[in-house]
Amino acid sequence: MLKHVGFLSMLIAATVNAQDRPAVATGADCLVARHLHLLEGKRVGMIINHTSRLSSGEFLLDSLQHAGIAVTALFGPEHGIRGAAGAGENVSDGIDARSGVPVFSLYGERNKPTAEMLKNVDVLLYDIQDVGARFYTYISTLKLCMDAAAERQIPFVVLDRPNPLGAGMDGPVLEDSLRSFVGIGPLPVVYGMTCGELATFMNRSGWLDGGRNVDLRVMWMEGWERSMDWSATGLPWIAPSPNIPTPETAVVYPATCFLEATNVSEGRGTAAPFFLLGAPFLDADALCAGLNARRLPGVSFVPSQFTPASSKHAGEVCHGVKIEVRDRSMFRPVLTGLVVISELLRQRPALVKLNHRWFGKLLGKGSVASFLEKGGDPLDLQGEWNAENADFLKGCVEILHYPSK
């Protein structure tokens, strides 16, 4: 009888564990579960941040060190390896107090690993949760680290993670003259790939400096499909930066991030960054009515009043709107963001200021700021960008790894 009770307990425990297991296993999960032999006997450099965790919650660095893997260097992107730095804040070199491993900043004086930083590295490992927008700087760090690895013939391993925006592509492909750290190459604003797919695309498309190729290995996820909302993955959401606190924020980020190029708050310093937009000189009801009259697909707006604790208009009462995504499958974030700016310019032309240089870098098109200031309708640009997206998709479809069921 006791044997049967013991077996039943084991069966129940196994069933509970299976039910608790996320639907998606990340590249990091797959590496630790089955592929650590790829790192054994090698000096490993890790390009990581605070999102570099297994689905169990364990920090990947800790897991590798516990397994006896020799981690000899850490490379930190914007916000640092522990996610403590604010947006745009320089991150310094040092020693990681918890692991004792040297840390080299890739956000500050330099964005690319140097030969000196890589002298004790046999393989580079990249594991960072991204949000799927071109101007989010982690993909720039990815490309520049691949450059450094290719130059020194160091193998490069990408541990894949979900793209919270899924398969959709939106917005113009970056003009070559506008390349920067917020636009590392000719991608749409919303590019519809995971970091593993993007690394593969970069490697095969001649993106790396000097036309080089890197010895690339992608540790693909298991169970992920492009149609998945984040909640369907079963994975915990770890905010990849302080102002992307939820996966829903990642969805609206490619729309309202364009407000960074204006004197209107994009909600930084509030509990709902990128959902809220406003300024002391706006009329909330008029802005809401004007935006809803545009009948943008999948989205609506409600009047809002808020007081940012930091960033633009800190401590001032701002009048504006809150964005509400009603249907993700219909929502066009780039179109939405440009319509918001065009409506702001229409309603308060003397007070709303648009930084042409910064806006051009974010959008990837240098002529659109003037177009909007002259009263141009963003809907007139949509056909051109749709054609660009279709051409881009043709060029990358062969490297797409995951299904779109």
Protein backbone atom coordinates (compact mmCIF):
# COMPACT_ATOMS: atom_id res chain seq x y z
CA MET A 1 0.00 0.00 0.00
CA LEU A 2 2.83 2.39 0.91
CA LYS A 3 4.46 1.69 -2.45
CA HIS A 4 1.24 2.66 -4.21
CA VAL A 5 0.95 5.84 -2.10
CA GLY A 6 4.55 6.76 -2.91
CA PHE A 7 4.01 6.21 -6.64
CA LEU A 8 0.78 8.24 -6.54
CA SER A 9 2.61 11.11 -4.82
CA MET A 10 5.32 11.05 -7.48
CA LEU A 11 2.68 11.01 -10.24
CA ILE A 12 0.84 13.99 -8.72
CA ALA A 13 4.11 15.89 -8.31
CA ALA A 14 5.06 15.21 -11.94
CA THR A 15 1.64 16.34 -13.12
CA VAL A 16 1.86 19.57 -11.10
CA ASN A 17 5.36 20.25 -12.42
CA ALA A 18 4.18 19.70 -16.01
CA GLN A 19 1.26 22.08 -15.45
CA ASP A 20 3.59 24.70 -13.95
CA ARG A 21 6.09 24.41 -16.79
CA PRO A 22 5.85 27.35 -19.23
CA ALA A 23 4.57 26.65 -22.71
CA VAL A 24 7.80 28.14 -24.06
CA ALA A 25 11.35 27.12 -23.22
CA THR A 26 13.76 29.96 -23.95
CA GLY A 27 17.13 29.49 -25.55
CA ALA A 28 18.69 29.86 -22.09
CA ASP A 29 16.47 27.05 -20.75
CA CYS A 30 17.49 24.80 -23.64
CA LEU A 31 21.19 25.59 -23.22
CA VAL A 32 21.24 24.74 -19.52
CA ALA A 33 19.06 21.65 -19.92
CA ARG A 34 20.88 19.97 -22.81
CA HIS A 35 23.74 21.90 -24.38
CA LEU A 36 26.22 23.00 -21.71
CA HIS A 37 28.83 20.84 -23.44
CA LEU A 38 29.12 23.65 -26.00
CA LEU A 39 30.69 25.83 -23.30
CA GLU A 40 32.71 23.30 -21.32
CA GLY A 41 36.43 23.98 -21.31
CA LYS A 42 35.92 27.46 -22.85
CA ARG A 43 36.31 30.96 -21.45
CA VAL A 44 32.87 32.49 -21.87
CA GLY A 45 32.01 36.16 -22.32
CA MET A 46 28.36 36.98 -21.62
CA ILE A 47 26.36 39.87 -23.11
CA ILE A 48 23.54 39.95 -20.60
CA ASN A 49 21.34 42.04 -18.38
CA HIS A 50 18.81 41.47 -15.62
CA THR A 51 16.41 39.70 -18.05
CA SER A 52 18.97 36.92 -18.61
CA ARG A 53 17.14 34.39 -16.47
CA LEU A 54 15.90 30.87 -16.83
CA SER A 55 12.15 30.34 -16.70
CA SER A 56 12.70 29.14 -13.12
CA GLY A 57 13.89 32.66 -12.26
CA GLU A 58 17.56 31.73 -11.81
CA PHE A 59 20.03 34.24 -13.23
CA LEU A 60 21.81 32.62 -16.17
CA LEU A 61 25.23 33.75 -14.94
CA ASP A 62 24.64 32.01 -11.61
CA SER A 63 23.46 28.86 -13.35
CA LEU A 64 26.55 28.67 -15.58
CA GLN A 65 28.94 29.30 -12.71
CA HIS A 66 27.22 26.64 -10.59
CA ALA A 67 27.68 24.22 -13.50
CA GLY A 68 31.42 24.92 -13.57
CA ILE A 69 31.44 27.04 -16.74
CA ALA A 70 34.31 29.55 -16.76
CA VAL A 71 32.69 32.97 -17.23
CA THR A 72 35.55 35.42 -17.73
CA ALA A 73 33.87 38.63 -18.91
CA LEU A 74 30.47 40.33 -18.74
CA PHE A 75 29.29 42.95 -21.24
CA GLY A 76 26.48 45.28 -20.20
CA PRO A 77 24.08 47.07 -22.60
CA GLU A 78 22.00 50.16 -21.83
CA HIS A 79 20.76 49.94 -18.20
CA GLY A 80 23.69 47.63 -17.25
CA ILE A 81 23.85 43.92 -16.45
CA ARG A 82 21.66 44.29 -13.36
CA GLY A 83 19.23 46.78 -14.97
CA ALA A 84 19.93 49.52 -12.45
CA ALA A 85 20.81 52.40 -14.81
CA GLY A 86 18.18 54.74 -16.23
CA ALA A 87 17.43 55.37 -19.91
CA GLY A 88 20.38 57.08 -21.59
CA GLU A 89 22.49 56.93 -18.41
CA ASN A 90 26.13 56.00 -18.94
CA VAL A 91 27.16 52.63 -17.48
CA SER A 92 30.69 52.18 -16.17
CA ASP A 93 33.13 49.24 -16.12
CA GLY A 94 33.89 47.36 -12.93
CA ILE A 95 33.66 44.01 -11.19
CA ASP A 96 30.30 42.34 -10.65
CA ALA A 97 30.11 42.07 -6.87
CA ARG A 98 28.00 38.91 -6.85
CA SER A 99 30.01 36.83 -9.31
CA GLY A 100 33.45 38.43 -9.18
CA VAL A 101 33.55 38.63 -13.00
CA PRO A 102 34.86 41.78 -14.77
CA VAL A 103 32.11 43.93 -16.30
CA PHE A 104 32.64 45.99 -19.45
CA SER A 105 30.09 48.64 -20.34
CA LEU A 106 28.79 48.81 -23.90
CA TYR A 107 26.74 51.91 -23.19
CA GLY A 108 28.77 55.04 -22.57
CA GLU A 109 32.17 55.85 -24.04
CA ARG A 110 32.01 52.80 -26.33
CA ASN A 111 29.31 50.52 -27.71
CA LYS A 112 31.47 47.71 -29.05
CA PRO A 113 33.84 45.28 -27.27
CA THR A 114 37.51 46.01 -27.83
CA ALA A 115 40.31 43.51 -28.42
CA GLU A 116 41.50 44.08 -24.85
CA MET A 117 38.07 43.22 -23.44
CA LEU A 118 37.98 40.00 -25.47
CA LYS A 119 41.50 38.77 -24.76
CA ASN A 120 40.27 36.16 -22.25
CA VAL A 121 37.17 35.10 -24.22
CA ASP A 122 36.82 31.96 -26.36
CA VAL A 123 33.09 32.28 -27.05
CA LEU A 124 30.57 35.12 -26.75
CA LEU A 125 27.05 34.42 -25.46
CA TYR A 126 24.14 36.84 -25.98
CA ASP A 127 20.97 36.56 -23.85
CA ILE A 128 18.80 39.68 -23.54
CA GLN A 129 15.04 40.12 -23.75
CA ASP A 130 14.16 42.57 -26.52
CA VAL A 131 10.89 44.35 -27.39
CA GLY A 132 10.85 44.13 -31.20
CA ALA A 133 11.31 47.84 -32.02
CA ARG A 134 14.28 49.01 -34.09
CA PHE A 135 15.13 51.96 -31.86
CA TYR A 136 15.35 49.83 -28.70
CA THR A 137 19.14 49.72 -28.31
CA TYR A 138 19.70 46.08 -27.38
CA ILE A 139 19.67 44.99 -31.03
CA SER A 140 22.36 47.59 -31.76
CA THR A 141 24.45 46.00 -29.02
CA LEU A 142 23.81 42.60 -30.61
CA LYS A 143 25.07 43.74 -34.01
CA LEU A 144 28.19 45.48 -32.67
CA CYS A 145 29.11 42.47 -30.54
CA MET A 146 28.74 40.24 -33.60
CA ASP A 147 31.09 42.64 -35.41
CA ALA A 148 33.68 42.31 -32.66
CA ALA A 149 33.39 38.52 -32.61
CA ALA A 150 33.70 38.28 -36.40
CA GLU A 151 36.82 40.47 -36.41
CA ARG A 152 38.53 38.18 -33.90
CA GLN A 153 37.04 34.88 -35.12
CA ILE A 154 35.29 34.25 -31.81
CA PRO A 155 32.21 31.97 -31.99
CA PHE A 156 28.95 33.76 -31.13
CA VAL A 157 25.95 32.10 -29.47
CA VAL A 158 22.51 33.75 -29.29
CA LEU A 159 20.04 32.39 -26.74
CA ASP A 160 16.68 33.16 -28.31
CA ARG A 161 13.71 34.76 -26.57
CA PRO A 162 10.16 35.71 -27.64
CA ASN A 163 9.46 38.89 -29.54
CA PRO A 164 6.52 40.37 -27.57
CA LEU A 165 5.26 42.05 -30.76
CA GLY A 166 5.10 38.76 -32.66
CA ALA A 167 5.18 38.64 -36.46
CA GLY A 168 3.98 42.09 -37.43
CA MET A 169 6.09 44.58 -39.37
CA ASP A 170 5.31 48.27 -39.38
CA GLY A 171 6.89 51.56 -40.31
CA PRO A 172 9.50 52.55 -42.86
CA VAL A 173 12.79 50.77 -43.44
CA LEU A 174 15.64 52.90 -42.09
CA GLU A 175 17.38 55.17 -44.59
CA ASP A 176 21.10 54.46 -44.67
CA SER A 177 22.03 58.09 -43.91
CA LEU A 178 20.16 57.90 -40.59
CA ARG A 179 22.04 54.95 -39.08
CA SER A 180 22.79 55.44 -35.39
CA PHE A 181 22.69 53.53 -32.12
CA VAL A 182 18.87 53.79 -32.27
CA GLY A 183 18.88 52.57 -35.86
CA ILE A 184 21.68 50.10 -36.50
CA GLY A 185 20.58 49.02 -39.97
CA PRO A 186 17.85 48.92 -42.64
CA LEU A 187 14.99 47.43 -40.63
CA PRO A 188 11.35 48.49 -40.35
CA VAL A 189 10.51 50.19 -37.05
CA VAL A 190 8.69 46.98 -36.01
CA TYR A 191 10.69 44.18 -37.60
CA GLY A 192 8.86 40.97 -36.67
CA MET A 193 11.83 38.77 -35.74
CA THR A 194 13.31 37.28 -32.60
CA CYS A 195 16.87 38.20 -31.66
CA GLY A 196 18.03 34.80 -32.92
CA GLU A 197 16.38 35.34 -36.29
CA LEU A 198 17.68 38.89 -36.45
CA ALA A 199 21.24 37.73 -35.73
CA THR A 200 20.91 35.13 -38.49
CA PHE A 201 19.58 37.77 -40.86
CA MET A 202 22.43 40.17 -40.05
CA ASN A 203 25.00 37.41 -40.54
CA ARG A 204 23.64 36.31 -43.91
CA SER A 205 22.82 39.74 -45.33
CA GLY A 206 26.23 41.38 -45.24
CA TRP A 207 25.43 43.61 -42.27
CA LEU A 208 28.63 42.92 -40.35
CA ASP A 209 31.58 45.26 -40.77
CA GLY A 210 33.80 44.47 -43.72
CA GLY A 211 31.27 42.00 -45.10
CA ARG A 212 32.46 39.44 -42.57
CA ASN A 213 30.50 36.51 -41.18
CA VAL A 214 30.60 35.36 -37.59
CA ASP A 215 30.62 31.72 -36.48
CA LEU A 216 27.00 31.93 -35.27
CA ARG A 217 25.00 29.40 -33.28
CA VAL A 218 21.41 30.16 -32.25
CA MET A 219 19.88 28.24 -29.37
CA TRP A 220 16.28 28.27 -30.56
CA MET A 221 13.26 28.29 -28.25
CA GLU A 222 10.86 25.41 -27.95
CA GLY A 223 7.09 25.95 -28.12
CA TRP A 224 7.02 29.56 -29.31
CA GLU A 225 4.82 30.75 -32.17
CA ARG A 226 4.60 34.25 -33.61
CA SER A 227 0.89 34.50 -32.90
CA MET A 228 1.42 34.15 -29.13
CA ASP A 229 0.59 36.98 -26.78
CA TRP A 230 3.11 37.10 -23.97
CA SER A 231 0.61 35.59 -21.54
CA ALA A 232 0.44 32.45 -23.70
CA THR A 233 4.17 31.79 -23.27
CA GLY A 234 3.82 31.11 -19.55
CA LEU A 235 7.06 33.02 -19.01
CA PRO A 236 7.40 35.72 -16.37
CA TRP A 237 7.76 39.24 -17.72
CA ILE A 238 10.96 40.87 -16.50
CA ALA A 239 10.89 44.53 -17.48
CA PRO A 240 13.72 44.88 -20.02
CA SER A 241 14.05 48.53 -19.02
CA PRO A 242 12.42 50.63 -16.30
CA ASN A 243 9.83 52.17 -18.62
CA ILE A 244 8.67 48.88 -20.18
CA PRO A 245 7.11 47.43 -17.00
CA THR A 246 4.59 45.14 -18.76
CA PRO A 247 4.35 43.26 -22.08
CA GLU A 248 1.42 45.53 -22.93
CA THR A 249 3.78 48.51 -22.64
CA ALA A 250 6.01 46.88 -25.26
CA VAL A 251 3.01 46.83 -27.62
CA VAL A 252 2.42 50.60 -27.43
CA TYR A 253 6.08 51.58 -27.17
CA PRO A 254 6.65 51.69 -30.98
CA ALA A 255 3.75 54.15 -31.21
CA THR A 256 4.39 56.67 -28.47
CA CYS A 257 8.19 56.52 -28.34
CA PHE A 258 8.12 59.08 -31.18
CA LEU A 259 6.97 61.63 -28.59
CA GLU A 260 10.55 61.58 -27.28
CA ALA A 261 11.27 63.90 -30.22
CA THR A 262 8.69 66.44 -28.97
CA ASN A 263 8.10 68.56 -25.89
CA VAL A 264 5.03 66.42 -25.05
CA SER A 265 5.40 63.84 -22.29
CA GLU A 266 5.29 60.18 -23.31
CA GLY A 267 4.38 59.21 -19.75
CA ARG A 268 7.85 58.67 -18.34
CA GLY A 269 7.79 59.33 -14.62
CA THR A 270 4.27 57.89 -14.27
CA ALA A 271 2.84 54.46 -13.51
CA ALA A 272 1.83 54.07 -17.19
CA PRO A 273 4.78 55.08 -19.37
CA PHE A 274 4.05 55.18 -23.12
CA PHE A 275 0.32 54.72 -22.47
CA LEU A 276 -0.02 58.32 -21.29
CA LEU A 277 0.80 61.39 -23.36
CA GLY A 278 0.25 65.00 -22.53
CA ALA A 279 1.59 68.42 -21.61
CA PRO A 280 0.48 71.38 -19.47
CA PHE A 281 -0.52 73.35 -22.60
CA LEU A 282 -2.85 70.74 -24.14
CA ASP A 283 -6.65 70.37 -23.96
CA ALA A 284 -7.36 66.75 -23.02
CA ASP A 285 -10.93 66.65 -24.31
CA ALA A 286 -10.09 68.28 -27.63
CA LEU A 287 -7.07 66.01 -28.19
CA CYS A 288 -9.10 62.91 -27.34
CA ALA A 289 -11.92 63.91 -29.68
CA GLY A 290 -9.50 64.71 -32.49
CA LEU A 291 -7.67 61.39 -32.20
CA ASN A 292 -10.79 59.25 -31.92
CA ALA A 293 -12.23 61.03 -34.97
CA ARG A 294 -9.33 59.59 -36.99
CA ARG A 295 -10.72 56.07 -36.36
CA LEU A 296 -7.32 54.42 -36.17
CA PRO A 297 -7.44 50.62 -36.39
CA GLY A 298 -7.42 48.68 -33.11
CA VAL A 299 -6.97 51.64 -30.79
CA SER A 300 -8.91 54.34 -28.97
CA PHE A 301 -8.11 57.21 -26.62
CA VAL A 302 -9.55 58.49 -23.35
CA PRO A 303 -8.93 61.91 -21.74
CA SER A 304 -6.30 61.85 -19.02
CA GLN A 305 -4.58 64.11 -16.52
CA PHE A 306 -1.29 63.17 -14.88
CA THR A 307 1.74 64.62 -13.13
CA PRO A 308 5.07 63.05 -14.07
CA ALA A 309 7.47 62.54 -11.17
CA SER A 310 10.45 62.77 -13.52
CA SER A 311 11.45 63.43 -17.13
CA LYS A 312 9.52 66.01 -19.21
CA HIS A 313 7.18 68.32 -17.26
CA ALA A 314 8.18 66.73 -13.93
CA GLY A 315 5.93 68.03 -11.17
CA GLU A 316 3.56 69.73 -13.61
CA VAL A 317 -0.03 68.73 -14.29
CA CYS A 318 -0.24 67.41 -17.84
CA HIS A 319 -3.44 67.23 -19.88
CA GLY A 320 -3.68 64.61 -22.59
CA VAL A 321 -4.89 61.12 -23.33
CA LYS A 322 -4.33 57.51 -22.46
CA ILE A 323 -3.96 55.08 -25.35
CA GLU A 324 -6.04 51.88 -25.24
CA VAL A 325 -5.25 49.04 -27.63
CA ARG A 326 -8.54 47.31 -28.41
CA ASP A 327 -7.38 44.81 -31.02
CA ARG A 328 -3.70 43.93 -31.33
CA SER A 329 -4.19 42.25 -34.68
CA MET A 330 -5.47 45.55 -36.14
CA PHE A 331 -3.22 47.97 -34.24
CA ARG A 332 -0.62 49.80 -36.36
CA PRO A 333 1.75 51.37 -33.84
CA VAL A 334 3.83 53.52 -36.20
CA LEU A 335 0.78 54.93 -37.97
CA THR A 336 -0.80 55.58 -34.57
CA GLY A 337 2.26 57.41 -33.29
CA LEU A 338 2.50 59.64 -36.34
CA VAL A 339 -1.21 60.45 -36.26
CA VAL A 340 -0.81 61.46 -32.61
CA ILE A 341 1.99 63.86 -33.54
CA SER A 342 0.10 65.24 -36.52
CA GLU A 343 -2.95 65.91 -34.31
CA LEU A 344 -0.79 67.60 -31.67
CA LEU A 345 0.72 69.84 -34.35
CA ARG A 346 -2.73 70.60 -35.76
CA GLN A 347 -4.19 71.56 -32.38
CA ARG A 348 -1.21 73.41 -30.86
CA PRO A 349 1.08 74.41 -33.76
CA ALA A 350 2.72 77.25 -31.83
CA LEU A 351 3.39 75.19 -28.70
CA VAL A 352 4.25 71.66 -29.83
CA LYS A 353 7.92 71.42 -30.80
CA LEU A 354 9.26 68.63 -33.01
CA ASN A 355 12.99 67.85 -33.04
CA HIS A 356 13.55 66.97 -36.71
CA ARG A 357 16.93 65.31 -36.20
CA TRP A 358 15.85 63.02 -33.37
CA PHE A 359 12.50 62.24 -34.96
CA GLY A 360 14.25 61.29 -38.21
CA LYS A 361 16.56 58.90 -36.37
CA LEU A 362 13.66 57.23 -34.56
CA LEU A 363 11.44 56.89 -37.60
CA GLY A 364 14.22 56.23 -40.10
CA LYS A 365 12.92 58.78 -42.62
CA GLY A 366 14.35 62.28 -42.73
CA SER A 367 11.55 64.09 -44.59
CA VAL A 368 8.54 63.14 -42.48
CA ALA A 369 8.93 65.77 -39.75
CA SER A 370 8.49 68.60 -42.26
CA PHE A 371 5.66 66.70 -43.92
CA LEU A 372 3.76 66.52 -40.61
CA GLU A 373 4.42 70.16 -39.73
CA LYS A 374 2.96 71.18 -43.10
CA GLY A 375 -0.26 69.31 -42.30
CA GLY A 376 0.50 66.09 -44.17
CA ASP A 377 -1.62 63.04 -43.35
CA PRO A 378 0.37 59.98 -42.14
CA LEU A 379 -2.17 57.78 -43.92
CA ASP A 380 -0.70 59.02 -47.20
CA LEU A 381 2.64 57.43 -46.25
CA GLN A 382 1.23 54.04 -45.36
CA GLY A 383 1.23 52.58 -48.88
CA GLU A 384 4.93 53.32 -49.35
CA TRP A 385 5.82 51.71 -46.03
CA ASN A 386 3.63 48.69 -46.70
CA ALA A 387 5.58 48.11 -49.92
CA GLU A 388 8.88 48.48 -48.06
CA ASN A 389 7.72 45.96 -45.45
CA ALA A 390 6.69 43.48 -48.15
CA ASP A 391 10.08 43.75 -49.84
CA PHE A 392 11.86 43.40 -46.51
CA LEU A 393 9.85 40.29 -45.65
CA LYS A 394 10.79 38.70 -48.97
CA GLY A 395 14.44 39.23 -48.10
CA CYS A 396 14.26 37.61 -44.68
CA VAL A 397 11.51 35.00 -44.97
CA GLU A 398 13.96 32.15 -45.57
CA ILE A 399 15.66 32.66 -42.21
CA LEU A 400 12.45 32.86 -40.13
CA HIS A 401 12.54 29.91 -37.78
CA TYR A 402 9.18 29.98 -35.99
CA PRO A 403 5.66 29.27 -37.30
CA SER A 404 2.90 31.88 -37.53
CA LYS A 405 -0.09 29.66 -36.69
